[in-house]
Amino acid sequence: MKAAGHPVLALASFPQAQARSPYYCERLETHVVRFPHVNVPHAHDFYLLLYITAGTGRHTVDLVTYELRPGSVFFLVPGQVHHWQLGTDARGYVVFFDTDFYLFRYPGNGLYAYPFFDSAQAPVLYLEPSETEIRPLFERLYVEGMVPHANQAEVFRTYLHLSLELAARHYPALPPAEANPAQQQIRQFGALLNQHYRTKRSVSDYAGLLHLSANHLNALCRRGLNKTASALIHERVVLEARRLLSHSGLGVAQVAYELGFEDASYFVRYFRKYAGTTPEAFRQQR
């Protein structure tokens, strides 16, 4: 079932020199003038990187607001709702890319294993404004995106890969206990949850997809995240409900339908149980 509470933008919404390009890079100050609709809450069906080189502002991702300042780098996965409030002096680069574009050269789980694409991690790095490791790569991504070349996609993808690899170094190293198959299974569960939370709400559903028992999946989540798998499922559903209630004009019954609830009254009870308030009361607080 497709969510309809907020705009979900595709790469085709941001034309550049290359038609139907699986990647995009532009100066932030140019991007927001060309596409003013990005200043209101929306989601993407692709990955997004944002590097701030100058100025200030605020960036809200999944209802959490972060400071914008020089040296800050944001990493968003498909489906996350975000919007920003930029100061007039804000400068930087935005980079978009399709999953398949990256996996064509770098297959496997590497893209999903980056810490900044993990929902348990903050989606921002605050680097020194004077850093000279990652900023030059964003500058090269911008240059590569300007003029078509025979090997442009391959060069762009290489700079992108280097940017992600170097950014990952700035996140705290995972403790040895987490850098193991159990942690990988938890991340796989998170990825499946993002795909199926509208239609699958039982631990056994996800345990089956992971070829685990429900008890084993619950044990993994308790050890790794100090939460049960069912609690994580409920949190994901409530997060999406909050997005829809905050960023759309949909009625409560429509929100319930978008989330796969056949009975709106059951959705209200579900939301109140796991969010601590009713959908209408939550909306009035926004």
C-alpha atoms as a PDB file:
ATOM      1  CA  MET A   1       0.000   0.000   0.000  1.00  0.00           C
ATOM      2  CA  LYS A   2       1.380   3.361  -0.932  1.00  0.00           C
ATOM      3  CA  ALA A   3       1.566   6.204   1.573  1.00  0.00           C
ATOM      4  CA  ALA A   4      -0.145   9.366   0.469  1.00  0.00           C
ATOM      5  CA  GLY A   5       0.225  11.678   3.472  1.00  0.00           C
ATOM      6  CA  HIS A   6       3.269  13.553   2.243  1.00  0.00           C
ATOM      7  CA  PRO A   7       4.966  14.013  -1.136  1.00  0.00           C
ATOM      8  CA  VAL A   8       7.407  11.250  -2.047  1.00  0.00           C
ATOM      9  CA  LEU A   9       9.722  12.748  -4.643  1.00  0.00           C
ATOM     10  CA  ALA A  10      11.571  10.764  -7.297  1.00  0.00           C
ATOM     11  CA  LEU A  11      14.869  11.664  -8.954  1.00  0.00           C
ATOM     12  CA  ALA A  12      12.968  12.592 -12.088  1.00  0.00           C
ATOM     13  CA  SER A  13      11.593  15.529 -10.089  1.00  0.00           C
ATOM     14  CA  PHE A  14      15.076  17.097 -10.159  1.00  0.00           C
ATOM     15  CA  PRO A  15      16.224  17.292 -13.798  1.00  0.00           C
ATOM     16  CA  GLN A  16      19.871  18.031 -14.499  1.00  0.00           C
ATOM     17  CA  ALA A  17      21.984  17.943 -17.624  1.00  0.00           C
ATOM     18  CA  GLN A  18      21.327  14.217 -18.016  1.00  0.00           C
ATOM     19  CA  ALA A  19      17.743  13.079 -18.502  1.00  0.00           C
ATOM     20  CA  ARG A  20      16.666  10.211 -16.228  1.00  0.00           C
ATOM     21  CA  SER A  21      19.991  10.254 -14.412  1.00  0.00           C
ATOM     22  CA  PRO A  22      20.223   7.919 -11.390  1.00  0.00           C
ATOM     23  CA  TYR A  23      22.190  10.580  -9.496  1.00  0.00           C
ATOM     24  CA  TYR A  24      22.091  14.317  -8.897  1.00  0.00           C
ATOM     25  CA  CYS A  25      24.340  16.938  -7.341  1.00  0.00           C
ATOM     26  CA  GLU A  26      23.730  20.658  -6.984  1.00  0.00           C
ATOM     27  CA  ARG A  27      24.745  23.588  -4.839  1.00  0.00           C
ATOM     28  CA  LEU A  28      22.283  23.892  -1.974  1.00  0.00           C
ATOM     29  CA  GLU A  29      21.606  27.589  -2.610  1.00  0.00           C
ATOM     30  CA  THR A  30      20.783  26.852  -6.259  1.00  0.00           C
ATOM     31  CA  HIS A  31      18.749  23.753  -5.446  1.00  0.00           C
ATOM     32  CA  VAL A  32      16.323  25.501  -3.097  1.00  0.00           C
ATOM     33  CA  VAL A  33      15.691  28.297  -5.629  1.00  0.00           C
ATOM     34  CA  ARG A  34      15.072  25.899  -8.533  1.00  0.00           C
ATOM     35  CA  PHE A  35      12.874  23.580  -6.471  1.00  0.00           C
ATOM     36  CA  PRO A  36      11.114  25.621  -3.768  1.00  0.00           C
ATOM     37  CA  HIS A  37       8.793  22.733  -2.924  1.00  0.00           C
ATOM     38  CA  VAL A  38      11.667  21.031  -1.068  1.00  0.00           C
ATOM     39  CA  ASN A  39      11.239  23.535   1.772  1.00  0.00           C
ATOM     40  CA  VAL A  40       8.072  21.781   2.987  1.00  0.00           C
ATOM     41  CA  PRO A  41       7.986  18.305   4.577  1.00  0.00           C
ATOM     42  CA  HIS A  42       8.490  15.541   2.022  1.00  0.00           C
ATOM     43  CA  ALA A  43      10.198  12.213   1.471  1.00  0.00           C
ATOM     44  CA  HIS A  44      12.324  10.723  -1.330  1.00  0.00           C
ATOM     45  CA  ASP A  45      12.547   7.304  -2.941  1.00  0.00           C
ATOM     46  CA  PHE A  46      16.350   7.649  -3.125  1.00  0.00           C
ATOM     47  CA  TYR A  47      19.319   8.354  -0.843  1.00  0.00           C
ATOM     48  CA  LEU A  48      20.192  11.961   0.019  1.00  0.00           C
ATOM     49  CA  LEU A  49      23.410  13.568   1.264  1.00  0.00           C
ATOM     50  CA  LEU A  50      23.651  17.181   2.408  1.00  0.00           C
ATOM     51  CA  TYR A  51      26.955  18.947   3.129  1.00  0.00           C
ATOM     52  CA  ILE A  52      26.858  22.443   4.679  1.00  0.00           C
ATOM     53  CA  THR A  53      29.846  24.644   3.841  1.00  0.00           C
ATOM     54  CA  ALA A  54      28.600  27.956   5.235  1.00  0.00           C
ATOM     55  CA  GLY A  55      25.701  29.550   7.081  1.00  0.00           C
ATOM     56  CA  THR A  56      23.189  28.265   9.578  1.00  0.00           C
ATOM     57  CA  GLY A  57      19.700  26.849   9.805  1.00  0.00           C
ATOM     58  CA  ARG A  58      17.723  23.844  11.007  1.00  0.00           C
ATOM     59  CA  HIS A  59      17.044  20.464   9.436  1.00  0.00           C
ATOM     60  CA  THR A  60      14.180  18.295  10.668  1.00  0.00           C
ATOM     61  CA  VAL A  61      14.402  14.561   9.948  1.00  0.00           C
ATOM     62  CA  ASP A  62      11.661  12.223  11.165  1.00  0.00           C
ATOM     63  CA  LEU A  63      10.339  14.922  13.531  1.00  0.00           C
ATOM     64  CA  VAL A  64      13.764  15.512  15.148  1.00  0.00           C
ATOM     65  CA  THR A  65      15.372  18.910  14.470  1.00  0.00           C
ATOM     66  CA  TYR A  66      19.142  19.260  14.032  1.00  0.00           C
ATOM     67  CA  GLU A  67      21.318  22.321  13.782  1.00  0.00           C
ATOM     68  CA  LEU A  68      22.835  23.277  10.438  1.00  0.00           C
ATOM     69  CA  ARG A  69      26.339  24.674  10.607  1.00  0.00           C
ATOM     70  CA  PRO A  70      29.493  24.548   8.487  1.00  0.00           C
ATOM     71  CA  GLY A  71      30.935  21.044   8.406  1.00  0.00           C
ATOM     72  CA  SER A  72      27.636  19.265   9.075  1.00  0.00           C
ATOM     73  CA  VAL A  73      26.826  16.327   6.799  1.00  0.00           C
ATOM     74  CA  PHE A  74      23.383  14.680   6.681  1.00  0.00           C
ATOM     75  CA  PHE A  75      22.576  11.182   5.436  1.00  0.00           C
ATOM     76  CA  LEU A  76      18.982  10.207   4.590  1.00  0.00           C
ATOM     77  CA  VAL A  77      17.597   6.884   3.412  1.00  0.00           C
ATOM     78  CA  PRO A  78      14.549   6.454   1.153  1.00  0.00           C
ATOM     79  CA  GLY A  79      11.277   7.150   2.908  1.00  0.00           C
ATOM     80  CA  GLN A  80      12.480   9.528   5.610  1.00  0.00           C
ATOM     81  CA  VAL A  81      10.434  12.705   5.920  1.00  0.00           C
ATOM     82  CA  HIS A  82      12.459  15.888   6.221  1.00  0.00           C
ATOM     83  CA  HIS A  83      12.416  19.622   5.692  1.00  0.00           C
ATOM     84  CA  TRP A  84      14.763  22.472   6.454  1.00  0.00           C
ATOM     85  CA  GLN A  85      14.758  26.093   7.464  1.00  0.00           C
ATOM     86  CA  LEU A  86      17.826  27.680   5.914  1.00  0.00           C
ATOM     87  CA  GLY A  87      19.435  30.946   6.833  1.00  0.00           C
ATOM     88  CA  THR A  88      19.959  33.331   3.934  1.00  0.00           C
ATOM     89  CA  ASP A  89      23.692  32.641   4.239  1.00  0.00           C
ATOM     90  CA  ALA A  90      23.366  28.840   3.989  1.00  0.00           C
ATOM     91  CA  ARG A  91      25.648  27.243   1.388  1.00  0.00           C
ATOM     92  CA  GLY A  92      26.542  23.670   0.581  1.00  0.00           C
ATOM     93  CA  TYR A  93      25.874  20.680  -1.679  1.00  0.00           C
ATOM     94  CA  VAL A  94      23.016  18.210  -2.059  1.00  0.00           C
ATOM     95  CA  VAL A  95      23.622  14.763  -3.556  1.00  0.00           C
ATOM     96  CA  PHE A  96      20.938  12.246  -4.561  1.00  0.00           C
ATOM     97  CA  PHE A  97      21.449   8.698  -5.805  1.00  0.00           C
ATOM     98  CA  ASP A  98      19.389   5.606  -6.525  1.00  0.00           C
ATOM     99  CA  THR A  99      20.094   2.399  -4.654  1.00  0.00           C
ATOM    100  CA  ASP A 100      20.679   0.443  -7.867  1.00  0.00           C
ATOM    101  CA  PHE A 101      23.134   3.057  -9.120  1.00  0.00           C
ATOM    102  CA  TYR A 102      25.379   2.478  -6.118  1.00  0.00           C
ATOM    103  CA  LEU A 103      24.935  -1.297  -5.935  1.00  0.00           C
ATOM    104  CA  PHE A 104      25.854  -1.685  -9.616  1.00  0.00           C
ATOM    105  CA  ARG A 105      29.523  -1.213  -8.701  1.00  0.00           C
ATOM    106  CA  TYR A 106      29.443  -1.897  -4.946  1.00  0.00           C
ATOM    107  CA  PRO A 107      27.052  -4.838  -4.441  1.00  0.00           C
ATOM    108  CA  GLY A 108      26.352  -6.586  -1.160  1.00  0.00           C
ATOM    109  CA  ASN A 109      25.316  -5.193   2.205  1.00  0.00           C
ATOM    110  CA  GLY A 110      27.886  -2.380   2.344  1.00  0.00           C
ATOM    111  CA  LEU A 111      25.401   0.394   1.592  1.00  0.00           C
ATOM    112  CA  TYR A 112      23.014  -0.795   4.297  1.00  0.00           C
ATOM    113  CA  ALA A 113      25.805  -1.305   6.839  1.00  0.00           C
ATOM    114  CA  TYR A 114      26.962   2.316   6.963  1.00  0.00           C
ATOM    115  CA  PRO A 115      26.248   3.609  10.493  1.00  0.00           C
ATOM    116  CA  PHE A 116      24.681   6.854   9.303  1.00  0.00           C
ATOM    117  CA  PHE A 117      22.038   4.904   7.333  1.00  0.00           C
ATOM    118  CA  ASP A 118      21.062   2.980  10.481  1.00  0.00           C
ATOM    119  CA  SER A 119      17.837   4.260  12.054  1.00  0.00           C
ATOM    120  CA  ALA A 120      19.403   3.788  15.497  1.00  0.00           C
ATOM    121  CA  GLN A 121      22.069   6.407  14.677  1.00  0.00           C
ATOM    122  CA  ALA A 122      21.732  10.161  14.273  1.00  0.00           C
ATOM    123  CA  PRO A 123      21.599  11.058  10.549  1.00  0.00           C
ATOM    124  CA  VAL A 124      24.222  13.805  10.881  1.00  0.00           C
ATOM    125  CA  LEU A 125      27.963  14.200  11.318  1.00  0.00           C
ATOM    126  CA  TYR A 126      29.355  17.429  12.692  1.00  0.00           C
ATOM    127  CA  LEU A 127      32.827  17.819  11.212  1.00  0.00           C
ATOM    128  CA  GLU A 128      35.246  20.687  11.708  1.00  0.00           C
ATOM    129  CA  PRO A 129      34.402  23.553   9.316  1.00  0.00           C
ATOM    130  CA  SER A 130      38.007  23.490   8.119  1.00  0.00           C
ATOM    131  CA  GLU A 131      38.110  19.767   7.345  1.00  0.00           C
ATOM    132  CA  THR A 132      39.697  18.947   3.991  1.00  0.00           C
ATOM    133  CA  GLU A 133      38.919  15.236   3.691  1.00  0.00           C
ATOM    134  CA  ILE A 134      35.247  14.987   2.686  1.00  0.00           C
ATOM    135  CA  ARG A 135      34.385  18.482   1.449  1.00  0.00           C
ATOM    136  CA  PRO A 136      36.674  18.196  -1.610  1.00  0.00           C
ATOM    137  CA  LEU A 137      34.838  15.001  -2.598  1.00  0.00           C
ATOM    138  CA  PHE A 138      31.490  16.810  -2.573  1.00  0.00           C
ATOM    139  CA  GLU A 139      33.062  19.537  -4.677  1.00  0.00           C
ATOM    140  CA  ARG A 140      34.222  16.888  -7.151  1.00  0.00           C
ATOM    141  CA  LEU A 141      30.750  15.314  -7.201  1.00  0.00           C
ATOM    142  CA  TYR A 142      29.347  18.710  -8.130  1.00  0.00           C
ATOM    143  CA  VAL A 143      31.904  19.227 -10.913  1.00  0.00           C
ATOM    144  CA  GLU A 144      31.303  15.735 -12.300  1.00  0.00           C
ATOM    145  CA  GLY A 145      27.566  16.338 -12.401  1.00  0.00           C
ATOM    146  CA  MET A 146      27.888  19.532 -14.439  1.00  0.00           C
ATOM    147  CA  VAL A 147      29.202  18.371 -17.805  1.00  0.00           C
ATOM    148  CA  PRO A 148      28.492  14.924 -19.323  1.00  0.00           C
ATOM    149  CA  HIS A 149      31.485  12.659 -19.993  1.00  0.00           C
ATOM    150  CA  ALA A 150      31.752   9.159 -21.365  1.00  0.00           C
ATOM    151  CA  ASN A 151      32.692   7.745 -17.946  1.00  0.00           C
ATOM    152  CA  GLN A 152      30.844  10.300 -15.830  1.00  0.00           C
ATOM    153  CA  ALA A 153      28.647   7.829 -13.957  1.00  0.00           C
ATOM    154  CA  GLU A 154      31.606   5.658 -12.964  1.00  0.00           C
ATOM    155  CA  VAL A 155      33.639   8.627 -11.722  1.00  0.00           C
ATOM    156  CA  PHE A 156      30.639  10.049  -9.838  1.00  0.00           C
ATOM    157  CA  ARG A 157      29.995   6.669  -8.227  1.00  0.00           C
ATOM    158  CA  THR A 158      33.637   6.389  -7.168  1.00  0.00           C
ATOM    159  CA  TYR A 159      33.637   9.816  -5.495  1.00  0.00           C
ATOM    160  CA  LEU A 160      30.359   8.898  -3.828  1.00  0.00           C
ATOM    161  CA  HIS A 161      31.796   5.653  -2.498  1.00  0.00           C
ATOM    162  CA  LEU A 162      34.852   7.453  -1.130  1.00  0.00           C
ATOM    163  CA  SER A 163      32.643  10.054   0.544  1.00  0.00           C
ATOM    164  CA  LEU A 164      30.642   7.359   2.341  1.00  0.00           C
ATOM    165  CA  GLU A 165      33.704   5.336   3.311  1.00  0.00           C
ATOM    166  CA  LEU A 166      35.513   8.355   4.772  1.00  0.00           C
ATOM    167  CA  ALA A 167      32.388   9.605   6.540  1.00  0.00           C
ATOM    168  CA  ALA A 168      31.999   6.191   8.198  1.00  0.00           C
ATOM    169  CA  ARG A 169      35.407   6.655   9.834  1.00  0.00           C
ATOM    170  CA  HIS A 170      34.050   9.569  11.832  1.00  0.00           C
ATOM    171  CA  TYR A 171      31.391   7.478  13.541  1.00  0.00           C
ATOM    172  CA  PRO A 172      32.388   5.632  16.732  1.00  0.00           C
ATOM    173  CA  ALA A 173      33.614   2.130  16.005  1.00  0.00           C
ATOM    174  CA  LEU A 174      31.140  -0.601  16.878  1.00  0.00           C
ATOM    175  CA  PRO A 175      32.136  -2.626  19.942  1.00  0.00           C
ATOM    176  CA  PRO A 176      33.352  -6.131  19.073  1.00  0.00           C
ATOM    177  CA  ALA A 177      30.151  -7.620  20.494  1.00  0.00           C
ATOM    178  CA  GLU A 178      28.084  -5.717  17.948  1.00  0.00           C
ATOM    179  CA  ALA A 179      30.254  -6.345  14.894  1.00  0.00           C
ATOM    180  CA  ASN A 180      28.895  -9.868  14.472  1.00  0.00           C
ATOM    181  CA  PRO A 181      26.161 -11.795  12.667  1.00  0.00           C
ATOM    182  CA  ALA A 182      23.636 -10.926  15.373  1.00  0.00           C
ATOM    183  CA  GLN A 183      24.028  -7.231  14.608  1.00  0.00           C
ATOM    184  CA  GLN A 184      23.630  -7.946  10.918  1.00  0.00           C
ATOM    185  CA  GLN A 185      20.391  -9.801  11.611  1.00  0.00           C
ATOM    186  CA  ILE A 186      19.081  -6.859  13.630  1.00  0.00           C
ATOM    187  CA  ARG A 187      19.839  -4.522  10.737  1.00  0.00           C
ATOM    188  CA  GLN A 188      18.162  -6.888   8.307  1.00  0.00           C
ATOM    189  CA  PHE A 189      15.131  -6.889  10.580  1.00  0.00           C
ATOM    190  CA  GLY A 190      15.177  -3.075  10.518  1.00  0.00           C
ATOM    191  CA  ALA A 191      15.318  -3.041   6.724  1.00  0.00           C
ATOM    192  CA  LEU A 192      12.430  -5.516   6.472  1.00  0.00           C
ATOM    193  CA  LEU A 193      10.437  -3.497   8.989  1.00  0.00           C
ATOM    194  CA  ASN A 194      10.794  -0.378   6.842  1.00  0.00           C
ATOM    195  CA  GLN A 195       9.465  -2.318   3.860  1.00  0.00           C
ATOM    196  CA  HIS A 196       6.560  -4.177   5.474  1.00  0.00           C
ATOM    197  CA  TYR A 197       5.348  -2.302   8.569  1.00  0.00           C
ATOM    198  CA  ARG A 198       2.031  -1.483   6.837  1.00  0.00           C
ATOM    199  CA  THR A 199       1.154  -5.121   6.261  1.00  0.00           C
ATOM    200  CA  LYS A 200       3.138  -7.180   8.800  1.00  0.00           C
ATOM    201  CA  ARG A 201       2.824  -6.505  12.524  1.00  0.00           C
ATOM    202  CA  SER A 202       3.715  -9.789  14.203  1.00  0.00           C
ATOM    203  CA  VAL A 203       7.168 -10.884  15.301  1.00  0.00           C
ATOM    204  CA  SER A 204       6.605 -14.254  13.626  1.00  0.00           C
ATOM    205  CA  ASP A 205       6.108 -12.518  10.247  1.00  0.00           C
ATOM    206  CA  TYR A 206       9.598 -11.011  10.358  1.00  0.00           C
ATOM    207  CA  ALA A 207      11.173 -14.025  12.010  1.00  0.00           C
ATOM    208  CA  GLY A 208       9.954 -16.098   9.074  1.00  0.00           C
ATOM    209  CA  LEU A 209      11.478 -13.695   6.567  1.00  0.00           C
ATOM    210  CA  LEU A 210      14.790 -13.923   8.450  1.00  0.00           C
ATOM    211  CA  HIS A 211      14.556 -17.726   8.804  1.00  0.00           C
ATOM    212  CA  LEU A 212      14.580 -17.398  12.596  1.00  0.00           C
ATOM    213  CA  SER A 213      12.180 -18.324  15.349  1.00  0.00           C
ATOM    214  CA  ALA A 214      10.164 -15.528  16.942  1.00  0.00           C
ATOM    215  CA  ASN A 215      11.856 -16.201  20.288  1.00  0.00           C
ATOM    216  CA  HIS A 216      15.291 -15.934  18.677  1.00  0.00           C
ATOM    217  CA  LEU A 217      14.439 -12.626  16.993  1.00  0.00           C
ATOM    218  CA  ASN A 218      13.120 -11.236  20.275  1.00  0.00           C
ATOM    219  CA  ALA A 219      16.278 -12.351  22.061  1.00  0.00           C
ATOM    220  CA  LEU A 220      18.475 -10.681  19.427  1.00  0.00           C
ATOM    221  CA  CYS A 221      16.596  -7.398  19.792  1.00  0.00           C
ATOM    222  CA  ARG A 222      16.704  -7.508  23.584  1.00  0.00           C
ATOM    223  CA  ARG A 223      20.448  -8.106  23.615  1.00  0.00           C
ATOM    224  CA  GLY A 224      21.297  -5.638  20.871  1.00  0.00           C
ATOM    225  CA  LEU A 225      18.753  -2.848  21.404  1.00  0.00           C
ATOM    226  CA  ASN A 226      17.288  -3.522  24.864  1.00  0.00           C
ATOM    227  CA  LYS A 227      13.839  -3.707  23.237  1.00  0.00           C
ATOM    228  CA  THR A 228      11.618  -6.524  22.079  1.00  0.00           C
ATOM    229  CA  ALA A 229      10.984  -7.046  18.383  1.00  0.00           C
ATOM    230  CA  SER A 230       7.299  -6.311  18.929  1.00  0.00           C
ATOM    231  CA  ALA A 231       8.166  -2.963  20.575  1.00  0.00           C
ATOM    232  CA  LEU A 232      10.249  -2.030  17.531  1.00  0.00           C
ATOM    233  CA  ILE A 233       7.376  -2.953  15.212  1.00  0.00           C
ATOM    234  CA  HIS A 234       4.965  -0.768  17.177  1.00  0.00           C
ATOM    235  CA  GLU A 235       7.472   2.120  17.244  1.00  0.00           C
ATOM    236  CA  ARG A 236       7.820   1.993  13.467  1.00  0.00           C
ATOM    237  CA  VAL A 237       4.056   2.044  12.910  1.00  0.00           C
ATOM    238  CA  VAL A 238       3.586   4.919  15.362  1.00  0.00           C
ATOM    239  CA  LEU A 239       6.440   6.864  13.766  1.00  0.00           C
ATOM    240  CA  GLU A 240       4.718   6.677  10.390  1.00  0.00           C
ATOM    241  CA  ALA A 241       1.400   7.605  11.974  1.00  0.00           C
ATOM    242  CA  ARG A 242       3.045  10.663  13.496  1.00  0.00           C
ATOM    243  CA  ARG A 243       4.505  11.606  10.128  1.00  0.00           C
ATOM    244  CA  LEU A 244       1.120  11.429   8.463  1.00  0.00           C
ATOM    245  CA  LEU A 245      -0.636  13.296  11.250  1.00  0.00           C
ATOM    246  CA  SER A 246       2.042  15.995  11.258  1.00  0.00           C
ATOM    247  CA  HIS A 247       2.648  16.453   7.535  1.00  0.00           C
ATOM    248  CA  SER A 248      -0.716  15.852   5.896  1.00  0.00           C
ATOM    249  CA  GLY A 249      -4.321  16.901   5.986  1.00  0.00           C
ATOM    250  CA  LEU A 250      -5.534  13.304   6.063  1.00  0.00           C
ATOM    251  CA  GLY A 251      -8.276  12.484   8.512  1.00  0.00           C
ATOM    252  CA  VAL A 252      -7.643   9.922  11.222  1.00  0.00           C
ATOM    253  CA  ALA A 253      -9.585   7.266   9.296  1.00  0.00           C
ATOM    254  CA  GLN A 254      -7.505   7.972   6.191  1.00  0.00           C
ATOM    255  CA  VAL A 255      -4.281   7.709   8.197  1.00  0.00           C
ATOM    256  CA  ALA A 256      -5.508   4.390   9.559  1.00  0.00           C
ATOM    257  CA  TYR A 257      -6.160   3.171   5.998  1.00  0.00           C
ATOM    258  CA  GLU A 258      -2.715   4.286   4.802  1.00  0.00           C
ATOM    259  CA  LEU A 259      -1.155   2.264   7.615  1.00  0.00           C
ATOM    260  CA  GLY A 260      -3.120  -0.870   6.806  1.00  0.00           C
ATOM    261  CA  PHE A 261      -5.706  -0.677   9.582  1.00  0.00           C
ATOM    262  CA  GLU A 262      -9.153  -1.747   8.410  1.00  0.00           C
ATOM    263  CA  ASP A 263     -10.842  -0.356  11.527  1.00  0.00           C
ATOM    264  CA  ALA A 264     -10.211   3.318  12.351  1.00  0.00           C
ATOM    265  CA  SER A 265     -11.361   2.876  15.941  1.00  0.00           C
ATOM    266  CA  TYR A 266      -8.817   0.096  16.435  1.00  0.00           C
ATOM    267  CA  PHE A 267      -6.126   2.397  15.013  1.00  0.00           C
ATOM    268  CA  VAL A 268      -7.088   5.085  17.553  1.00  0.00           C
ATOM    269  CA  ARG A 269      -6.769   2.551  20.399  1.00  0.00           C
ATOM    270  CA  TYR A 270      -3.468   1.282  18.967  1.00  0.00           C
ATOM    271  CA  PHE A 271      -2.025   4.800  18.669  1.00  0.00           C
ATOM    272  CA  ARG A 272      -3.152   5.771  22.163  1.00  0.00           C
ATOM    273  CA  LYS A 273      -1.632   2.609  23.622  1.00  0.00           C
ATOM    274  CA  TYR A 274       1.808   3.075  22.026  1.00  0.00           C
ATOM    275  CA  ALA A 275       1.997   6.871  21.667  1.00  0.00           C
ATOM    276  CA  GLY A 276       0.341   7.796  24.943  1.00  0.00           C
ATOM    277  CA  THR A 277      -2.247  10.075  23.339  1.00  0.00           C
ATOM    278  CA  THR A 278      -4.957   9.990  20.707  1.00  0.00           C
ATOM    279  CA  PRO A 279      -4.222  10.843  17.057  1.00  0.00           C
ATOM    280  CA  GLU A 280      -6.348  14.012  17.254  1.00  0.00           C
ATOM    281  CA  ALA A 281      -4.671  15.174  20.465  1.00  0.00           C
ATOM    282  CA  PHE A 282      -1.246  14.538  18.923  1.00  0.00           C
ATOM    283  CA  ARG A 283      -2.171  16.554  15.838  1.00  0.00           C
ATOM    284  CA  GLN A 284      -3.407  19.471  17.955  1.00  0.00           C
ATOM    285  CA  GLN A 285      -0.086  19.561  19.798  1.00  0.00           C
ATOM    286  CA  ARG A 286       1.896  20.062  16.580  1.00  0.00           C
END
